[in-house]
């Protein structure tokens, strides 16, 4: 079934809509250079 709508909410457990729609996303651990976080690698 194909569903059209003006608004979409991705509330899936693993962000399933993101790769399907080519929405930019991140996985895993960012670097300290990227975030400035003291505990980042």
ModelCIF file with pLDDT and N, C-alpha, C, O atoms, coordinates in Angstrom:
data_MODEL
#
_entry.id   MODEL 
#
_entity.id                         1 
_entity.type                       polymer 
_entity.pdbx_number_of_molecules   1 
#
_entity_poly.entity_id                      1 
_entity_poly.type                           'polypeptide(L)' 
_entity_poly.nstd_linkage                   no 
_entity_poly.nstd_monomer                   no 
_entity_poly.pdbx_seq_one_letter_code       
;(UNK)(UNK)(UNK)(UNK)(UNK)(UNK)(UNK)(UNK)(UNK)(UNK)(UNK)(UNK)(UNK)(UNK)(UNK)(UNK)
(UNK)(UNK)(UNK)(UNK)(UNK)(UNK)(UNK)(UNK)(UNK)(UNK)(UNK)(UNK)(UNK)(UNK)(UNK)(UNK)
(UNK)(UNK)(UNK)(UNK)(UNK)(UNK)(UNK)(UNK)(UNK)
;
_entity_poly.pdbx_seq_one_letter_code_can   XXXXXXXXXXXXXXXXXXXXXXXXXXXXXXXXXXXXXXXXX 
_entity_poly.pdbx_strand_id                 A 
#
loop_
_entity_poly_seq.entity_id 
_entity_poly_seq.num 
_entity_poly_seq.mon_id 
_entity_poly_seq.hetero 
1 1  UNK n 
1 2  UNK n 
1 3  UNK n 
1 4  UNK n 
1 5  UNK n 
1 6  UNK n 
1 7  UNK n 
1 8  UNK n 
1 9  UNK n 
1 10 UNK n 
1 11 UNK n 
1 12 UNK n 
1 13 UNK n 
1 14 UNK n 
1 15 UNK n 
1 16 UNK n 
1 17 UNK n 
1 18 UNK n 
1 19 UNK n 
1 20 UNK n 
1 21 UNK n 
1 22 UNK n 
1 23 UNK n 
1 24 UNK n 
1 25 UNK n 
1 26 UNK n 
1 27 UNK n 
1 28 UNK n 
1 29 UNK n 
1 30 UNK n 
1 31 UNK n 
1 32 UNK n 
1 33 UNK n 
1 34 UNK n 
1 35 UNK n 
1 36 UNK n 
1 37 UNK n 
1 38 UNK n 
1 39 UNK n 
1 40 UNK n 
1 41 UNK n 
#
_struct_asym.id          A 
_struct_asym.entity_id   1 
#
loop_
_ma_qa_metric.id 
_ma_qa_metric.mode 
_ma_qa_metric.name 
_ma_qa_metric.software_group_id 
_ma_qa_metric.type 
1 global pLDDT . pLDDT 
2 local  pLDDT . pLDDT 
#
_ma_qa_metric_global.metric_id      1 
_ma_qa_metric_global.metric_value   97.56 
_ma_qa_metric_global.model_id       1 
_ma_qa_metric_global.ordinal_id     1 
#
loop_
_ma_qa_metric_local.label_asym_id 
_ma_qa_metric_local.label_comp_id 
_ma_qa_metric_local.label_seq_id 
_ma_qa_metric_local.metric_id 
_ma_qa_metric_local.metric_value 
_ma_qa_metric_local.model_id 
_ma_qa_metric_local.ordinal_id 
A UNK 1  2 94.00 1 1  
A UNK 2  2 97.00 1 2  
A UNK 3  2 97.00 1 3  
A UNK 4  2 98.00 1 4  
A UNK 5  2 98.00 1 5  
A UNK 6  2 98.00 1 6  
A UNK 7  2 98.00 1 7  
A UNK 8  2 98.00 1 8  
A UNK 9  2 98.00 1 9  
A UNK 10 2 98.00 1 10 
A UNK 11 2 98.00 1 11 
A UNK 12 2 98.00 1 12 
A UNK 13 2 97.00 1 13 
A UNK 14 2 97.00 1 14 
A UNK 15 2 98.00 1 15 
A UNK 16 2 97.00 1 16 
A UNK 17 2 98.00 1 17 
A UNK 18 2 98.00 1 18 
A UNK 19 2 97.00 1 19 
A UNK 20 2 97.00 1 20 
A UNK 21 2 98.00 1 21 
A UNK 22 2 98.00 1 22 
A UNK 23 2 98.00 1 23 
A UNK 24 2 98.00 1 24 
A UNK 25 2 98.00 1 25 
A UNK 26 2 98.00 1 26 
A UNK 27 2 98.00 1 27 
A UNK 28 2 98.00 1 28 
A UNK 29 2 98.00 1 29 
A UNK 30 2 98.00 1 30 
A UNK 31 2 98.00 1 31 
A UNK 32 2 98.00 1 32 
A UNK 33 2 97.00 1 33 
A UNK 34 2 97.00 1 34 
A UNK 35 2 98.00 1 35 
A UNK 36 2 97.00 1 36 
A UNK 37 2 98.00 1 37 
A UNK 38 2 96.00 1 38 
A UNK 39 2 97.00 1 39 
A UNK 40 2 98.00 1 40 
A UNK 41 2 97.00 1 41 
#
loop_
_atom_site.group_PDB 
_atom_site.id 
_atom_site.type_symbol 
_atom_site.label_atom_id 
_atom_site.label_alt_id 
_atom_site.label_comp_id 
_atom_site.label_asym_id 
_atom_site.label_entity_id 
_atom_site.label_seq_id 
_atom_site.pdbx_PDB_ins_code 
_atom_site.Cartn_x 
_atom_site.Cartn_y 
_atom_site.Cartn_z 
_atom_site.occupancy 
_atom_site.B_iso_or_equiv 
_atom_site.pdbx_formal_charge 
_atom_site.auth_seq_id 
_atom_site.auth_comp_id 
_atom_site.auth_asym_id 
_atom_site.auth_atom_id 
_atom_site.pdbx_PDB_model_num 
ATOM 1   N N  . UNK A 1 1  ? 0.858  -1.176 0.000  1.00 94.00 ? 1  UNK A N  1 
ATOM 2   C CA . UNK A 1 1  ? 0.000  0.000  0.000  1.00 94.00 ? 1  UNK A CA 1 
ATOM 3   C C  . UNK A 1 1  ? 0.899  1.232  0.000  1.00 94.00 ? 1  UNK A C  1 
ATOM 4   O O  . UNK A 1 1  ? 1.882  1.295  0.737  1.00 94.00 ? 1  UNK A O  1 
ATOM 5   N N  . UNK A 1 2  ? 0.556  2.196  -0.821 1.00 97.00 ? 2  UNK A N  1 
ATOM 6   C CA . UNK A 1 2  ? 1.308  3.448  -0.895 1.00 97.00 ? 2  UNK A CA 1 
ATOM 7   C C  . UNK A 1 2  ? 0.505  4.546  -0.217 1.00 97.00 ? 2  UNK A C  1 
ATOM 8   O O  . UNK A 1 2  ? -0.685 4.717  -0.483 1.00 97.00 ? 2  UNK A O  1 
ATOM 9   N N  . UNK A 1 3  ? 1.168  5.285  0.659  1.00 97.00 ? 3  UNK A N  1 
ATOM 10  C CA . UNK A 1 3  ? 0.484  6.302  1.466  1.00 97.00 ? 3  UNK A CA 1 
ATOM 11  C C  . UNK A 1 3  ? 1.116  7.655  1.198  1.00 97.00 ? 3  UNK A C  1 
ATOM 12  O O  . UNK A 1 3  ? 2.318  7.843  1.391  1.00 97.00 ? 3  UNK A O  1 
ATOM 13  N N  . UNK A 1 4  ? 0.299  8.590  0.753  1.00 98.00 ? 4  UNK A N  1 
ATOM 14  C CA . UNK A 1 4  ? 0.764  9.959  0.538  1.00 98.00 ? 4  UNK A CA 1 
ATOM 15  C C  . UNK A 1 4  ? 0.331  10.826 1.720  1.00 98.00 ? 4  UNK A C  1 
ATOM 16  O O  . UNK A 1 4  ? -0.699 10.581 2.347  1.00 98.00 ? 4  UNK A O  1 
ATOM 17  N N  . UNK A 1 5  ? 1.135  11.836 2.005  1.00 98.00 ? 5  UNK A N  1 
ATOM 18  C CA . UNK A 1 5  ? 0.831  12.748 3.107  1.00 98.00 ? 5  UNK A CA 1 
ATOM 19  C C  . UNK A 1 5  ? 1.709  13.983 2.973  1.00 98.00 ? 5  UNK A C  1 
ATOM 20  O O  . UNK A 1 5  ? 2.773  13.918 2.356  1.00 98.00 ? 5  UNK A O  1 
ATOM 21  N N  . UNK A 1 6  ? 1.282  15.102 3.539  1.00 98.00 ? 6  UNK A N  1 
ATOM 22  C CA . UNK A 1 6  ? 2.143  16.285 3.543  1.00 98.00 ? 6  UNK A CA 1 
ATOM 23  C C  . UNK A 1 6  ? 3.194  16.263 4.649  1.00 98.00 ? 6  UNK A C  1 
ATOM 24  O O  . UNK A 1 6  ? 4.189  16.983 4.570  1.00 98.00 ? 6  UNK A O  1 
ATOM 25  N N  . UNK A 1 7  ? 2.977  15.423 5.705  1.00 98.00 ? 7  UNK A N  1 
ATOM 26  C CA . UNK A 1 7  ? 3.927  15.394 6.819  1.00 98.00 ? 7  UNK A CA 1 
ATOM 27  C C  . UNK A 1 7  ? 4.213  13.948 7.205  1.00 98.00 ? 7  UNK A C  1 
ATOM 28  O O  . UNK A 1 7  ? 3.324  13.097 7.180  1.00 98.00 ? 7  UNK A O  1 
ATOM 29  N N  . UNK A 1 8  ? 5.477  13.682 7.565  1.00 98.00 ? 8  UNK A N  1 
ATOM 30  C CA . UNK A 1 8  ? 5.921  12.338 7.961  1.00 98.00 ? 8  UNK A CA 1 
ATOM 31  C C  . UNK A 1 8  ? 6.707  12.434 9.259  1.00 98.00 ? 8  UNK A C  1 
ATOM 32  O O  . UNK A 1 8  ? 7.484  13.366 9.462  1.00 98.00 ? 8  UNK A O  1 
ATOM 33  N N  . UNK A 1 9  ? 6.494  11.456 10.136 1.00 98.00 ? 9  UNK A N  1 
ATOM 34  C CA . UNK A 1 9  ? 7.241  11.349 11.395 1.00 98.00 ? 9  UNK A CA 1 
ATOM 35  C C  . UNK A 1 9  ? 7.925  10.000 11.414 1.00 98.00 ? 9  UNK A C  1 
ATOM 36  O O  . UNK A 1 9  ? 7.263  8.971  11.285 1.00 98.00 ? 9  UNK A O  1 
ATOM 37  N N  . UNK A 1 10 ? 9.247  9.984  11.572 1.00 98.00 ? 10 UNK A N  1 
ATOM 38  C CA . UNK A 1 10 ? 9.988  8.727  11.719 1.00 98.00 ? 10 UNK A CA 1 
ATOM 39  C C  . UNK A 1 10 ? 10.144 8.442  13.205 1.00 98.00 ? 10 UNK A C  1 
ATOM 40  O O  . UNK A 1 10 ? 10.985 9.036  13.880 1.00 98.00 ? 10 UNK A O  1 
ATOM 41  N N  . UNK A 1 11 ? 9.317  7.518  13.708 1.00 98.00 ? 11 UNK A N  1 
ATOM 42  C CA . UNK A 1 11 ? 9.385  7.099  15.108 1.00 98.00 ? 11 UNK A CA 1 
ATOM 43  C C  . UNK A 1 11 ? 9.805  5.638  15.199 1.00 98.00 ? 11 UNK A C  1 
ATOM 44  O O  . UNK A 1 11 ? 9.487  4.960  16.176 1.00 98.00 ? 11 UNK A O  1 
ATOM 45  N N  . UNK A 1 12 ? 10.517 5.151  14.187 1.00 98.00 ? 12 UNK A N  1 
ATOM 46  C CA . UNK A 1 12 ? 10.968 3.764  14.174 1.00 98.00 ? 12 UNK A CA 1 
ATOM 47  C C  . UNK A 1 12 ? 12.151 3.567  15.109 1.00 98.00 ? 12 UNK A C  1 
ATOM 48  O O  . UNK A 1 12 ? 12.814 4.528  15.499 1.00 98.00 ? 12 UNK A O  1 
ATOM 49  N N  . UNK A 1 13 ? 12.406 2.332  15.458 1.00 97.00 ? 13 UNK A N  1 
ATOM 50  C CA . UNK A 1 13 ? 13.437 2.035  16.448 1.00 97.00 ? 13 UNK A CA 1 
ATOM 51  C C  . UNK A 1 13 ? 14.847 2.338  15.941 1.00 97.00 ? 13 UNK A C  1 
ATOM 52  O O  . UNK A 1 13 ? 15.739 2.642  16.734 1.00 97.00 ? 13 UNK A O  1 
ATOM 53  N N  . UNK A 1 14 ? 15.052 2.256  14.636 1.00 97.00 ? 14 UNK A N  1 
ATOM 54  C CA . UNK A 1 14 ? 16.406 2.462  14.105 1.00 97.00 ? 14 UNK A CA 1 
ATOM 55  C C  . UNK A 1 14 ? 16.449 3.511  12.995 1.00 97.00 ? 14 UNK A C  1 
ATOM 56  O O  . UNK A 1 14 ? 17.348 3.486  12.155 1.00 97.00 ? 14 UNK A O  1 
ATOM 57  N N  . UNK A 1 15 ? 15.488 4.428  12.986 1.00 98.00 ? 15 UNK A N  1 
ATOM 58  C CA . UNK A 1 15 ? 15.496 5.465  11.968 1.00 98.00 ? 15 UNK A CA 1 
ATOM 59  C C  . UNK A 1 15 ? 15.343 4.910  10.569 1.00 98.00 ? 15 UNK A C  1 
ATOM 60  O O  . UNK A 1 15 ? 16.093 5.273  9.663  1.00 98.00 ? 15 UNK A O  1 
ATOM 61  N N  . UNK A 1 16 ? 14.358 4.019  10.389 1.00 97.00 ? 16 UNK A N  1 
ATOM 62  C CA . UNK A 1 16 ? 14.224 3.295  9.122  1.00 97.00 ? 16 UNK A CA 1 
ATOM 63  C C  . UNK A 1 16 ? 13.903 4.191  7.931  1.00 97.00 ? 16 UNK A C  1 
ATOM 64  O O  . UNK A 1 16 ? 14.255 3.862  6.799  1.00 97.00 ? 16 UNK A O  1 
ATOM 65  N N  . UNK A 1 17 ? 13.239 5.321  8.174  1.00 98.00 ? 17 UNK A N  1 
ATOM 66  C CA . UNK A 1 17 ? 12.856 6.195  7.058  1.00 98.00 ? 17 UNK A CA 1 
ATOM 67  C C  . UNK A 1 17 ? 14.065 6.929  6.492  1.00 98.00 ? 17 UNK A C  1 
ATOM 68  O O  . UNK A 1 17 ? 14.044 7.342  5.332  1.00 98.00 ? 17 UNK A O  1 
ATOM 69  N N  . UNK A 1 18 ? 15.095 7.096  7.268  1.00 98.00 ? 18 UNK A N  1 
ATOM 70  C CA . UNK A 1 18 ? 16.226 7.931  6.853  1.00 98.00 ? 18 UNK A CA 1 
ATOM 71  C C  . UNK A 1 18 ? 16.938 7.378  5.621  1.00 98.00 ? 18 UNK A C  1 
ATOM 72  O O  . UNK A 1 18 ? 17.104 8.119  4.652  1.00 98.00 ? 18 UNK A O  1 
ATOM 73  N N  . UNK A 1 19 ? 17.370 6.110  5.607  1.00 97.00 ? 19 UNK A N  1 
ATOM 74  C CA . UNK A 1 19 ? 18.022 5.619  4.390  1.00 97.00 ? 19 UNK A CA 1 
ATOM 75  C C  . UNK A 1 19 ? 17.060 5.503  3.209  1.00 97.00 ? 19 UNK A C  1 
ATOM 76  O O  . UNK A 1 19 ? 17.467 5.681  2.061  1.00 97.00 ? 19 UNK A O  1 
ATOM 77  N N  . UNK A 1 20 ? 15.783 5.206  3.483  1.00 97.00 ? 20 UNK A N  1 
ATOM 78  C CA . UNK A 1 20 ? 14.815 5.087  2.389  1.00 97.00 ? 20 UNK A CA 1 
ATOM 79  C C  . UNK A 1 20 ? 14.636 6.408  1.651  1.00 97.00 ? 20 UNK A C  1 
ATOM 80  O O  . UNK A 1 20 ? 14.435 6.418  0.437  1.00 97.00 ? 20 UNK A O  1 
ATOM 81  N N  . UNK A 1 21 ? 14.709 7.522  2.375  1.00 98.00 ? 21 UNK A N  1 
ATOM 82  C CA . UNK A 1 21 ? 14.446 8.844  1.797  1.00 98.00 ? 21 UNK A CA 1 
ATOM 83  C C  . UNK A 1 21 ? 15.717 9.630  1.506  1.00 98.00 ? 21 UNK A C  1 
ATOM 84  O O  . UNK A 1 21 ? 15.658 10.793 1.109  1.00 98.00 ? 21 UNK A O  1 
ATOM 85  N N  . UNK A 1 22 ? 16.880 8.982  1.708  1.00 98.00 ? 22 UNK A N  1 
ATOM 86  C CA . UNK A 1 22 ? 18.170 9.650  1.515  1.00 98.00 ? 22 UNK A CA 1 
ATOM 87  C C  . UNK A 1 22 ? 18.317 10.874 2.422  1.00 98.00 ? 22 UNK A C  1 
ATOM 88  O O  . UNK A 1 22 ? 18.979 11.850 2.069  1.00 98.00 ? 22 UNK A O  1 
ATOM 89  N N  . UNK A 1 23 ? 17.692 10.800 3.586  1.00 98.00 ? 23 UNK A N  1 
ATOM 90  C CA . UNK A 1 23 ? 17.883 11.849 4.587  1.00 98.00 ? 23 UNK A CA 1 
ATOM 91  C C  . UNK A 1 23 ? 19.235 11.656 5.256  1.00 98.00 ? 23 UNK A C  1 
ATOM 92  O O  . UNK A 1 23 ? 19.587 10.540 5.638  1.00 98.00 ? 23 UNK A O  1 
ATOM 93  N N  . UNK A 1 24 ? 19.988 12.730 5.399  1.00 98.00 ? 24 UNK A N  1 
ATOM 94  C CA . UNK A 1 24 ? 21.321 12.622 5.983  1.00 98.00 ? 24 UNK A CA 1 
ATOM 95  C C  . UNK A 1 24 ? 21.235 12.185 7.447  1.00 98.00 ? 24 UNK A C  1 
ATOM 96  O O  . UNK A 1 24 ? 20.425 12.704 8.214  1.00 98.00 ? 24 UNK A O  1 
ATOM 97  N N  . UNK A 1 25 ? 22.078 11.231 7.816  1.00 98.00 ? 25 UNK A N  1 
ATOM 98  C CA . UNK A 1 25 ? 22.063 10.738 9.191  1.00 98.00 ? 25 UNK A CA 1 
ATOM 99  C C  . UNK A 1 25 ? 23.453 10.289 9.621  1.00 98.00 ? 25 UNK A C  1 
ATOM 100 O O  . UNK A 1 25 ? 24.369 10.157 8.810  1.00 98.00 ? 25 UNK A O  1 
ATOM 101 N N  . UNK A 1 26 ? 23.578 10.061 10.916 1.00 98.00 ? 26 UNK A N  1 
ATOM 102 C CA . UNK A 1 26 ? 24.835 9.658  11.533 1.00 98.00 ? 26 UNK A CA 1 
ATOM 103 C C  . UNK A 1 26 ? 24.612 8.345  12.272 1.00 98.00 ? 26 UNK A C  1 
ATOM 104 O O  . UNK A 1 26 ? 23.526 8.112  12.804 1.00 98.00 ? 26 UNK A O  1 
ATOM 105 N N  . UNK A 1 27 ? 25.614 7.494  12.312 1.00 98.00 ? 27 UNK A N  1 
ATOM 106 C CA . UNK A 1 27 ? 25.602 6.322  13.192 1.00 98.00 ? 27 UNK A CA 1 
ATOM 107 C C  . UNK A 1 27 ? 26.889 6.300  14.004 1.00 98.00 ? 27 UNK A C  1 
ATOM 108 O O  . UNK A 1 27 ? 27.911 6.851  13.593 1.00 98.00 ? 27 UNK A O  1 
ATOM 109 N N  . UNK A 1 28 ? 26.823 5.661  15.153 1.00 98.00 ? 28 UNK A N  1 
ATOM 110 C CA . UNK A 1 28 ? 28.018 5.421  15.943 1.00 98.00 ? 28 UNK A CA 1 
ATOM 111 C C  . UNK A 1 28 ? 28.599 6.653  16.603 1.00 98.00 ? 28 UNK A C  1 
ATOM 112 O O  . UNK A 1 28 ? 27.882 7.605  16.912 1.00 98.00 ? 28 UNK A O  1 
ATOM 113 N N  . UNK A 1 29 ? 29.898 6.627  16.815 1.00 98.00 ? 29 UNK A N  1 
ATOM 114 C CA . UNK A 1 29 ? 30.615 7.600  17.632 1.00 98.00 ? 29 UNK A CA 1 
ATOM 115 C C  . UNK A 1 29 ? 31.223 8.694  16.756 1.00 98.00 ? 29 UNK A C  1 
ATOM 116 O O  . UNK A 1 29 ? 32.002 8.404  15.847 1.00 98.00 ? 29 UNK A O  1 
ATOM 117 N N  . UNK A 1 30 ? 30.871 9.943  17.027 1.00 98.00 ? 30 UNK A N  1 
ATOM 118 C CA . UNK A 1 30 ? 31.516 11.076 16.348 1.00 98.00 ? 30 UNK A CA 1 
ATOM 119 C C  . UNK A 1 30 ? 32.905 11.317 16.953 1.00 98.00 ? 30 UNK A C  1 
ATOM 120 O O  . UNK A 1 30 ? 33.192 10.872 18.064 1.00 98.00 ? 30 UNK A O  1 
ATOM 121 N N  . UNK A 1 31 ? 33.744 12.012 16.224 1.00 98.00 ? 31 UNK A N  1 
ATOM 122 C CA . UNK A 1 31 ? 35.083 12.321 16.728 1.00 98.00 ? 31 UNK A CA 1 
ATOM 123 C C  . UNK A 1 31 ? 35.048 13.586 17.584 1.00 98.00 ? 31 UNK A C  1 
ATOM 124 O O  . UNK A 1 31 ? 34.089 14.356 17.541 1.00 98.00 ? 31 UNK A O  1 
ATOM 125 N N  . UNK A 1 32 ? 36.099 13.779 18.353 1.00 98.00 ? 32 UNK A N  1 
ATOM 126 C CA . UNK A 1 32 ? 36.214 14.982 19.184 1.00 98.00 ? 32 UNK A CA 1 
ATOM 127 C C  . UNK A 1 32 ? 36.310 16.235 18.318 1.00 98.00 ? 32 UNK A C  1 
ATOM 128 O O  . UNK A 1 32 ? 35.815 17.294 18.705 1.00 98.00 ? 32 UNK A O  1 
ATOM 129 N N  . UNK A 1 33 ? 36.938 16.123 17.157 1.00 97.00 ? 33 UNK A N  1 
ATOM 130 C CA . UNK A 1 33 ? 37.015 17.269 16.254 1.00 97.00 ? 33 UNK A CA 1 
ATOM 131 C C  . UNK A 1 33 ? 35.634 17.678 15.757 1.00 97.00 ? 33 UNK A C  1 
ATOM 132 O O  . UNK A 1 33 ? 35.377 18.862 15.537 1.00 97.00 ? 33 UNK A O  1 
ATOM 133 N N  . UNK A 1 34 ? 34.752 16.712 15.581 1.00 97.00 ? 34 UNK A N  1 
ATOM 134 C CA . UNK A 1 34 ? 33.413 17.008 15.067 1.00 97.00 ? 34 UNK A CA 1 
ATOM 135 C C  . UNK A 1 34 ? 32.527 17.664 16.118 1.00 97.00 ? 34 UNK A C  1 
ATOM 136 O O  . UNK A 1 34 ? 31.741 18.554 15.792 1.00 97.00 ? 34 UNK A O  1 
ATOM 137 N N  . UNK A 1 35 ? 32.641 17.237 17.375 1.00 98.00 ? 35 UNK A N  1 
ATOM 138 C CA . UNK A 1 35 ? 31.682 17.656 18.405 1.00 98.00 ? 35 UNK A CA 1 
ATOM 139 C C  . UNK A 1 35 ? 32.300 18.453 19.547 1.00 98.00 ? 35 UNK A C  1 
ATOM 140 O O  . UNK A 1 35 ? 31.587 19.164 20.254 1.00 98.00 ? 35 UNK A O  1 
ATOM 141 N N  . UNK A 1 36 ? 33.614 18.347 19.739 1.00 97.00 ? 36 UNK A N  1 
ATOM 142 C CA . UNK A 1 36 ? 34.252 18.988 20.887 1.00 97.00 ? 36 UNK A CA 1 
ATOM 143 C C  . UNK A 1 36 ? 33.947 18.304 22.203 1.00 97.00 ? 36 UNK A C  1 
ATOM 144 O O  . UNK A 1 36 ? 34.261 18.848 23.262 1.00 97.00 ? 36 UNK A O  1 
ATOM 145 N N  . UNK A 1 37 ? 33.345 17.128 22.169 1.00 98.00 ? 37 UNK A N  1 
ATOM 146 C CA . UNK A 1 37 ? 32.964 16.438 23.409 1.00 98.00 ? 37 UNK A CA 1 
ATOM 147 C C  . UNK A 1 37 ? 34.191 15.830 24.090 1.00 98.00 ? 37 UNK A C  1 
ATOM 148 O O  . UNK A 1 37 ? 34.993 15.165 23.433 1.00 98.00 ? 37 UNK A O  1 
ATOM 149 N N  . UNK A 1 38 ? 34.346 16.048 25.387 1.00 96.00 ? 38 UNK A N  1 
ATOM 150 C CA . UNK A 1 38 ? 35.540 15.541 26.084 1.00 96.00 ? 38 UNK A CA 1 
ATOM 151 C C  . UNK A 1 38 ? 35.690 14.028 26.013 1.00 96.00 ? 38 UNK A C  1 
ATOM 152 O O  . UNK A 1 38 ? 36.811 13.521 25.980 1.00 96.00 ? 38 UNK A O  1 
ATOM 153 N N  . UNK A 1 39 ? 34.561 13.291 25.989 1.00 97.00 ? 39 UNK A N  1 
ATOM 154 C CA . UNK A 1 39 ? 34.641 11.829 25.990 1.00 97.00 ? 39 UNK A CA 1 
ATOM 155 C C  . UNK A 1 39 ? 34.610 11.227 24.587 1.00 97.00 ? 39 UNK A C  1 
ATOM 156 O O  . UNK A 1 39 ? 34.590 10.003 24.451 1.00 97.00 ? 39 UNK A O  1 
ATOM 157 N N  . UNK A 1 40 ? 34.607 12.054 23.544 1.00 98.00 ? 40 UNK A N  1 
ATOM 158 C CA . UNK A 1 40 ? 34.612 11.535 22.179 1.00 98.00 ? 40 UNK A CA 1 
ATOM 159 C C  . UNK A 1 40 ? 36.018 11.077 21.802 1.00 98.00 ? 40 UNK A C  1 
ATOM 160 O O  . UNK A 1 40 ? 36.998 11.595 22.338 1.00 98.00 ? 40 UNK A O  1 
ATOM 161 N N  . UNK A 1 41 ? 36.133 10.115 20.888 1.00 97.00 ? 41 UNK A N  1 
ATOM 162 C CA . UNK A 1 41 ? 37.451 9.616  20.471 1.00 97.00 ? 41 UNK A CA 1 
ATOM 163 C C  . UNK A 1 41 ? 38.103 10.542 19.449 1.00 97.00 ? 41 UNK A C  1 
ATOM 164 O O  . UNK A 1 41 ? 39.214 10.272 18.993 1.00 97.00 ? 41 UNK A O  1 
#
